[in-house]
Amino acid sequence: MSTELLPVGAYLAWWYVDSHFGVTRSQIYYEDGRVEALEGDERTELCRFTSEQVAAARQAVVSSGLPASADSPADQMHDAAPLTYAWRLGGEEGSVSNVGYPATRHDAIDRLEAALADLEEDAGCWPVMADE
């Protein structure tokens, strides 16, 4: 697992790369509650989750089905920008990519993003979408 994608102290991160437009964006969720956004070389703390919100976010990863899901292929996509989620929970870690993003959907990623958006809003964050 890339420490750039999932650094020490983080339990979840997503990474979006649109090489066509030169956009690299990610968001990292840390055990201490920090939620950080990275775009290029710029790092911004969006908000801090309470310990209860960290627990809820960790549970949302499992409940979404992400750890049991597989990458979604790009098929014949010519303008796809991969979106990858990585997690580290209970000694297990992994990653899943929606290679055809934004044209294709990945159900587990969609479920996780909905749960995270609610938590982020409650914590005072403005939910960041990969392709905004």
N, C-alpha and C. Protein backbone atom coordinates (compact mmCIF):
# COMPACT_ATOMS: atom_id res chain seq x y z
N MET A 1 0.85 -1.18 0.00
CA MET A 1 0.00 0.00 0.00
C MET A 1 0.89 1.23 0.00
N SER A 2 0.57 2.15 -0.81
CA SER A 2 1.34 3.39 -0.90
C SER A 2 1.14 4.25 0.33
N THR A 3 2.25 4.62 1.00
CA THR A 3 2.11 5.51 2.16
C THR A 3 1.69 6.90 1.73
N GLU A 4 1.89 7.24 0.46
CA GLU A 4 1.39 8.51 -0.05
C GLU A 4 -0.14 8.49 -0.06
N LEU A 5 -0.72 7.36 -0.41
CA LEU A 5 -2.16 7.24 -0.46
C LEU A 5 -2.76 7.04 0.92
N LEU A 6 -2.13 6.25 1.74
CA LEU A 6 -2.65 5.96 3.08
C LEU A 6 -1.51 6.10 4.09
N PRO A 7 -1.26 7.32 4.55
CA PRO A 7 -0.13 7.54 5.45
C PRO A 7 -0.33 6.92 6.83
N VAL A 8 0.73 6.86 7.58
CA VAL A 8 0.68 6.35 8.94
C VAL A 8 -0.33 7.18 9.73
N GLY A 9 -1.15 6.51 10.52
CA GLY A 9 -2.16 7.19 11.33
C GLY A 9 -3.48 7.39 10.63
N ALA A 10 -3.57 7.01 9.36
CA ALA A 10 -4.81 7.15 8.60
C ALA A 10 -5.50 5.79 8.49
N TYR A 11 -6.83 5.83 8.49
CA TYR A 11 -7.60 4.60 8.31
C TYR A 11 -8.32 4.57 6.97
N LEU A 12 -8.38 5.74 6.29
CA LEU A 12 -9.10 5.80 5.03
C LEU A 12 -8.56 6.96 4.21
N ALA A 13 -8.53 6.77 2.91
CA ALA A 13 -8.16 7.86 2.00
C ALA A 13 -8.74 7.56 0.63
N TRP A 14 -9.00 8.60 -0.11
CA TRP A 14 -9.31 8.42 -1.53
C TRP A 14 -8.35 9.27 -2.34
N TRP A 15 -8.17 8.85 -3.58
CA TRP A 15 -7.21 9.50 -4.47
C TRP A 15 -7.82 9.52 -5.86
N TYR A 16 -7.84 10.69 -6.47
CA TYR A 16 -8.42 10.91 -7.79
C TYR A 16 -7.35 11.50 -8.68
N VAL A 17 -7.18 10.93 -9.87
CA VAL A 17 -6.19 11.43 -10.81
C VAL A 17 -6.84 11.60 -12.17
N ASP A 18 -6.89 12.85 -12.62
CA ASP A 18 -7.39 13.15 -13.96
C ASP A 18 -6.19 13.65 -14.76
N SER A 19 -5.51 12.75 -15.42
CA SER A 19 -4.29 13.11 -16.14
C SER A 19 -4.58 14.02 -17.33
N HIS A 20 -5.78 13.93 -17.86
CA HIS A 20 -6.15 14.77 -19.00
C HIS A 20 -6.14 16.26 -18.61
N PHE A 21 -6.63 16.56 -17.41
CA PHE A 21 -6.68 17.95 -16.94
C PHE A 21 -5.59 18.26 -15.91
N GLY A 22 -4.73 17.30 -15.62
CA GLY A 22 -3.64 17.53 -14.68
C GLY A 22 -4.10 17.73 -13.24
N VAL A 23 -5.17 17.04 -12.85
CA VAL A 23 -5.70 17.17 -11.49
C VAL A 23 -5.36 15.93 -10.68
N THR A 24 -4.76 16.14 -9.53
CA THR A 24 -4.54 15.08 -8.56
C THR A 24 -5.11 15.59 -7.25
N ARG A 25 -6.05 14.86 -6.69
CA ARG A 25 -6.76 15.30 -5.49
C ARG A 25 -6.96 14.08 -4.59
N SER A 26 -6.84 14.29 -3.28
CA SER A 26 -7.13 13.21 -2.36
C SER A 26 -7.67 13.76 -1.05
N GLN A 27 -8.21 12.87 -0.28
CA GLN A 27 -8.71 13.21 1.05
C GLN A 27 -8.31 12.09 1.98
N ILE A 28 -7.85 12.47 3.17
CA ILE A 28 -7.32 11.49 4.13
C ILE A 28 -8.06 11.64 5.45
N TYR A 29 -8.44 10.51 6.02
CA TYR A 29 -9.14 10.45 7.30
C TYR A 29 -8.20 9.79 8.32
N TYR A 30 -7.86 10.55 9.36
CA TYR A 30 -6.90 10.08 10.36
C TYR A 30 -7.59 9.60 11.63
N GLU A 31 -6.92 8.69 12.31
CA GLU A 31 -7.42 8.15 13.58
C GLU A 31 -7.65 9.25 14.62
N ASP A 32 -6.86 10.34 14.59
CA ASP A 32 -7.02 11.41 15.56
C ASP A 32 -8.18 12.36 15.21
N GLY A 33 -8.90 12.05 14.12
CA GLY A 33 -10.07 12.83 13.74
C GLY A 33 -9.85 13.81 12.60
N ARG A 34 -8.59 14.10 12.27
CA ARG A 34 -8.34 15.04 11.17
C ARG A 34 -8.88 14.50 9.86
N VAL A 35 -9.48 15.40 9.10
CA VAL A 35 -9.90 15.11 7.73
C VAL A 35 -9.18 16.14 6.88
N GLU A 36 -8.26 15.67 6.04
CA GLU A 36 -7.44 16.57 5.23
C GLU A 36 -7.71 16.36 3.75
N ALA A 37 -7.66 17.47 3.03
CA ALA A 37 -7.75 17.44 1.57
C ALA A 37 -6.39 17.81 1.01
N LEU A 38 -5.99 17.13 -0.04
CA LEU A 38 -4.76 17.45 -0.74
C LEU A 38 -5.09 17.68 -2.20
N GLU A 39 -4.56 18.77 -2.73
CA GLU A 39 -4.67 19.02 -4.16
C GLU A 39 -3.32 19.55 -4.60
N GLY A 40 -2.68 18.78 -5.47
CA GLY A 40 -1.31 19.12 -5.84
C GLY A 40 -0.45 19.08 -4.59
N ASP A 41 0.25 20.17 -4.31
CA ASP A 41 1.10 20.25 -3.12
C ASP A 41 0.41 20.92 -1.93
N GLU A 42 -0.84 21.31 -2.12
CA GLU A 42 -1.56 22.03 -1.07
C GLU A 42 -2.33 21.06 -0.17
N ARG A 43 -2.12 21.21 1.15
CA ARG A 43 -2.78 20.37 2.14
C ARG A 43 -3.65 21.28 3.01
N THR A 44 -4.94 20.89 3.19
CA THR A 44 -5.88 21.68 3.97
C THR A 44 -6.62 20.78 4.94
N GLU A 45 -6.67 21.19 6.21
CA GLU A 45 -7.51 20.46 7.16
C GLU A 45 -8.93 20.94 6.98
N LEU A 46 -9.82 20.03 6.60
CA LEU A 46 -11.21 20.39 6.35
C LEU A 46 -12.01 20.48 7.64
N CYS A 47 -11.75 19.56 8.56
CA CYS A 47 -12.45 19.53 9.84
C CYS A 47 -11.82 18.44 10.70
N ARG A 48 -12.39 18.27 11.88
CA ARG A 48 -11.98 17.18 12.77
C ARG A 48 -13.21 16.41 13.20
N PHE A 49 -13.13 15.10 13.04
CA PHE A 49 -14.18 14.22 13.53
C PHE A 49 -13.99 14.00 15.02
N THR A 50 -15.09 13.85 15.73
CA THR A 50 -15.03 13.39 17.11
C THR A 50 -14.65 11.91 17.09
N SER A 51 -14.34 11.35 18.25
CA SER A 51 -14.02 9.92 18.29
C SER A 51 -15.22 9.09 17.85
N GLU A 52 -16.43 9.57 18.14
CA GLU A 52 -17.63 8.86 17.70
C GLU A 52 -17.77 8.91 16.17
N GLN A 53 -17.43 10.05 15.58
CA GLN A 53 -17.50 10.16 14.13
C GLN A 53 -16.43 9.32 13.45
N VAL A 54 -15.24 9.24 14.06
CA VAL A 54 -14.20 8.35 13.52
C VAL A 54 -14.72 6.92 13.53
N ALA A 55 -15.31 6.50 14.64
CA ALA A 55 -15.86 5.13 14.74
C ALA A 55 -16.95 4.92 13.69
N ALA A 56 -17.80 5.92 13.49
CA ALA A 56 -18.87 5.80 12.49
C ALA A 56 -18.29 5.73 11.07
N ALA A 57 -17.26 6.51 10.80
CA ALA A 57 -16.63 6.47 9.47
C ALA A 57 -15.97 5.11 9.23
N ARG A 58 -15.30 4.61 10.24
CA ARG A 58 -14.68 3.29 10.12
C ARG A 58 -15.74 2.22 9.86
N GLN A 59 -16.86 2.31 10.58
CA GLN A 59 -17.96 1.35 10.38
C GLN A 59 -18.57 1.51 9.00
N ALA A 60 -18.63 2.75 8.50
CA ALA A 60 -19.19 2.99 7.16
C ALA A 60 -18.36 2.30 6.07
N VAL A 61 -17.06 2.21 6.28
CA VAL A 61 -16.22 1.50 5.30
C VAL A 61 -16.69 0.05 5.20
N VAL A 62 -16.87 -0.58 6.36
CA VAL A 62 -17.29 -1.98 6.39
C VAL A 62 -18.72 -2.12 5.87
N SER A 63 -19.63 -1.27 6.37
CA SER A 63 -21.05 -1.36 5.99
C SER A 63 -21.28 -1.11 4.51
N SER A 64 -20.43 -0.31 3.90
CA SER A 64 -20.58 0.00 2.47
C SER A 64 -20.31 -1.21 1.59
N GLY A 65 -19.57 -2.17 2.13
CA GLY A 65 -19.17 -3.33 1.35
C GLY A 65 -17.86 -3.13 0.60
N LEU A 66 -17.21 -2.01 0.84
CA LEU A 66 -15.97 -1.70 0.11
C LEU A 66 -14.90 -2.78 0.26
N PRO A 67 -14.62 -3.27 1.49
CA PRO A 67 -13.55 -4.28 1.61
C PRO A 67 -13.82 -5.57 0.85
N ALA A 68 -15.07 -5.87 0.57
CA ALA A 68 -15.40 -7.11 -0.15
C ALA A 68 -15.61 -6.89 -1.63
N SER A 69 -15.46 -5.65 -2.10
CA SER A 69 -15.75 -5.37 -3.50
C SER A 69 -14.47 -5.38 -4.34
N ALA A 70 -14.66 -5.36 -5.63
CA ALA A 70 -13.54 -5.40 -6.58
C ALA A 70 -13.50 -4.10 -7.36
N ASP A 71 -12.38 -3.88 -8.02
CA ASP A 71 -12.24 -2.71 -8.89
C ASP A 71 -13.30 -2.77 -9.99
N SER A 72 -13.78 -1.60 -10.39
CA SER A 72 -14.66 -1.56 -11.56
C SER A 72 -13.80 -1.19 -12.77
N PRO A 73 -13.97 -1.89 -13.87
CA PRO A 73 -13.12 -1.65 -15.04
C PRO A 73 -13.52 -0.40 -15.80
N ALA A 74 -12.60 0.09 -16.59
CA ALA A 74 -12.86 1.26 -17.43
C ALA A 74 -13.55 0.86 -18.72
N ASP A 75 -13.52 -0.42 -19.05
CA ASP A 75 -14.08 -0.92 -20.31
C ASP A 75 -13.52 -0.11 -21.48
N GLN A 76 -14.37 0.50 -22.24
CA GLN A 76 -13.92 1.25 -23.43
C GLN A 76 -13.85 2.76 -23.17
N MET A 77 -13.67 3.15 -21.92
CA MET A 77 -13.62 4.57 -21.57
C MET A 77 -12.35 5.21 -22.12
N HIS A 78 -12.50 6.39 -22.70
CA HIS A 78 -11.35 7.12 -23.22
C HIS A 78 -11.02 8.33 -22.39
N ASP A 79 -11.95 8.79 -21.55
CA ASP A 79 -11.72 9.99 -20.76
C ASP A 79 -12.00 9.70 -19.28
N ALA A 80 -11.55 8.56 -18.82
CA ALA A 80 -11.78 8.16 -17.43
C ALA A 80 -10.68 8.74 -16.53
N ALA A 81 -11.04 8.96 -15.29
CA ALA A 81 -10.09 9.45 -14.29
C ALA A 81 -10.27 8.57 -13.06
N PRO A 82 -9.35 7.68 -12.78
CA PRO A 82 -9.54 6.72 -11.70
C PRO A 82 -9.74 7.36 -10.33
N LEU A 83 -10.64 6.77 -9.57
CA LEU A 83 -10.89 7.13 -8.18
C LEU A 83 -10.61 5.88 -7.36
N THR A 84 -9.65 5.98 -6.43
CA THR A 84 -9.25 4.85 -5.62
C THR A 84 -9.47 5.15 -4.15
N TYR A 85 -10.06 4.21 -3.44
CA TYR A 85 -10.20 4.29 -1.99
C TYR A 85 -9.27 3.25 -1.37
N ALA A 86 -8.57 3.64 -0.32
CA ALA A 86 -7.72 2.72 0.43
C ALA A 86 -8.14 2.78 1.89
N TRP A 87 -8.04 1.67 2.60
CA TRP A 87 -8.42 1.62 4.01
C TRP A 87 -7.46 0.75 4.79
N ARG A 88 -7.43 1.00 6.08
CA ARG A 88 -6.66 0.20 7.03
C ARG A 88 -7.54 0.06 8.27
N LEU A 89 -8.06 -1.13 8.49
CA LEU A 89 -8.99 -1.38 9.59
C LEU A 89 -8.68 -2.72 10.24
N GLY A 90 -8.54 -2.71 11.55
CA GLY A 90 -8.34 -3.97 12.28
C GLY A 90 -7.20 -4.81 11.77
N GLY A 91 -6.11 -4.20 11.40
CA GLY A 91 -4.95 -4.94 10.91
C GLY A 91 -5.04 -5.35 9.45
N GLU A 92 -6.17 -5.11 8.82
CA GLU A 92 -6.34 -5.41 7.40
C GLU A 92 -6.31 -4.12 6.60
N GLU A 93 -5.77 -4.19 5.41
CA GLU A 93 -5.81 -3.02 4.54
C GLU A 93 -6.03 -3.45 3.11
N GLY A 94 -6.52 -2.53 2.33
CA GLY A 94 -6.77 -2.83 0.94
C GLY A 94 -7.15 -1.57 0.19
N SER A 95 -7.45 -1.74 -1.08
CA SER A 95 -7.87 -0.62 -1.90
C SER A 95 -8.79 -1.13 -3.01
N VAL A 96 -9.63 -0.22 -3.46
CA VAL A 96 -10.56 -0.50 -4.55
C VAL A 96 -10.58 0.72 -5.45
N SER A 97 -10.60 0.50 -6.76
CA SER A 97 -10.62 1.60 -7.72
C SER A 97 -11.84 1.52 -8.62
N ASN A 98 -12.38 2.69 -8.90
CA ASN A 98 -13.36 2.83 -9.96
C ASN A 98 -12.58 3.44 -11.12
N VAL A 99 -12.10 2.59 -11.99
CA VAL A 99 -11.21 3.00 -13.07
C VAL A 99 -11.96 3.81 -14.13
N GLY A 100 -13.26 3.62 -14.24
CA GLY A 100 -14.05 4.33 -15.23
C GLY A 100 -14.73 5.58 -14.71
N TYR A 101 -14.31 6.05 -13.53
CA TYR A 101 -14.92 7.24 -12.93
C TYR A 101 -14.68 8.45 -13.83
N PRO A 102 -15.57 9.35 -14.00
CA PRO A 102 -16.89 9.48 -13.39
C PRO A 102 -18.02 8.85 -14.20
N ALA A 103 -17.71 8.28 -15.36
CA ALA A 103 -18.76 7.72 -16.21
C ALA A 103 -19.40 6.47 -15.62
N THR A 104 -18.60 5.67 -14.90
CA THR A 104 -19.15 4.46 -14.30
C THR A 104 -19.29 4.66 -12.80
N ARG A 105 -20.23 3.95 -12.23
CA ARG A 105 -20.50 4.03 -10.79
C ARG A 105 -19.97 2.76 -10.13
N HIS A 106 -19.66 2.87 -8.85
CA HIS A 106 -19.23 1.74 -8.04
C HIS A 106 -20.10 1.79 -6.79
N ASP A 107 -20.99 0.81 -6.65
CA ASP A 107 -22.00 0.86 -5.59
C ASP A 107 -21.41 1.02 -4.19
N ALA A 108 -20.37 0.27 -3.87
CA ALA A 108 -19.78 0.36 -2.52
C ALA A 108 -19.18 1.75 -2.29
N ILE A 109 -18.51 2.30 -3.28
CA ILE A 109 -17.94 3.65 -3.16
C ILE A 109 -19.07 4.66 -2.99
N ASP A 110 -20.14 4.51 -3.75
CA ASP A 110 -21.27 5.44 -3.62
C ASP A 110 -21.86 5.40 -2.21
N ARG A 111 -22.03 4.19 -1.66
CA ARG A 111 -22.58 4.06 -0.29
C ARG A 111 -21.65 4.69 0.73
N LEU A 112 -20.35 4.45 0.59
CA LEU A 112 -19.39 5.02 1.52
C LEU A 112 -19.38 6.54 1.42
N GLU A 113 -19.37 7.07 0.21
CA GLU A 113 -19.34 8.52 0.05
C GLU A 113 -20.57 9.19 0.65
N ALA A 114 -21.73 8.55 0.55
CA ALA A 114 -22.95 9.12 1.14
C ALA A 114 -22.83 9.19 2.66
N ALA A 115 -22.32 8.12 3.26
CA ALA A 115 -22.15 8.10 4.72
C ALA A 115 -21.11 9.12 5.16
N LEU A 116 -20.00 9.21 4.44
CA LEU A 116 -18.95 10.17 4.79
C LEU A 116 -19.43 11.61 4.63
N ALA A 117 -20.23 11.88 3.60
CA ALA A 117 -20.74 13.25 3.39
C ALA A 117 -21.57 13.69 4.59
N ASP A 118 -22.40 12.79 5.13
CA ASP A 118 -23.20 13.13 6.30
C ASP A 118 -22.31 13.41 7.51
N LEU A 119 -21.31 12.58 7.73
CA LEU A 119 -20.39 12.78 8.85
C LEU A 119 -19.61 14.08 8.69
N GLU A 120 -19.15 14.35 7.49
CA GLU A 120 -18.38 15.56 7.24
C GLU A 120 -19.23 16.81 7.46
N GLU A 121 -20.45 16.77 7.00
CA GLU A 121 -21.34 17.91 7.21
C GLU A 121 -21.58 18.14 8.70
N ASP A 122 -21.81 17.06 9.45
CA ASP A 122 -22.01 17.18 10.90
C ASP A 122 -20.78 17.73 11.60
N ALA A 123 -19.60 17.45 11.05
CA ALA A 123 -18.34 17.92 11.65
C ALA A 123 -17.95 19.32 11.18
N GLY A 124 -18.76 19.91 10.30
CA GLY A 124 -18.45 21.25 9.82
C GLY A 124 -17.62 21.30 8.56
N CYS A 125 -17.41 20.16 7.93
CA CYS A 125 -16.70 20.11 6.64
C CYS A 125 -17.68 20.39 5.51
N TRP A 126 -17.14 20.82 4.43
CA TRP A 126 -17.89 20.80 3.19
C TRP A 126 -17.40 19.57 2.45
N PRO A 127 -18.26 18.56 2.23
CA PRO A 127 -17.78 17.34 1.58
C PRO A 127 -17.13 17.65 0.23
N VAL A 128 -15.94 17.12 0.03
CA VAL A 128 -15.18 17.32 -1.20
C VAL A 128 -15.47 16.13 -2.11
N MET A 129 -15.84 16.43 -3.33
CA MET A 129 -16.04 15.37 -4.31
C MET A 129 -14.80 15.30 -5.18
N ALA A 130 -14.47 14.11 -5.62
CA ALA A 130 -13.24 13.90 -6.38
C ALA A 130 -13.15 14.78 -7.61
N ASP A 131 -14.26 14.87 -8.35
CA ASP A 131 -14.19 15.55 -9.64
C ASP A 131 -14.80 16.95 -9.65
N GLU A 132 -14.89 17.61 -8.47
CA GLU A 132 -15.46 18.96 -8.48
C GLU A 132 -14.45 20.00 -8.82
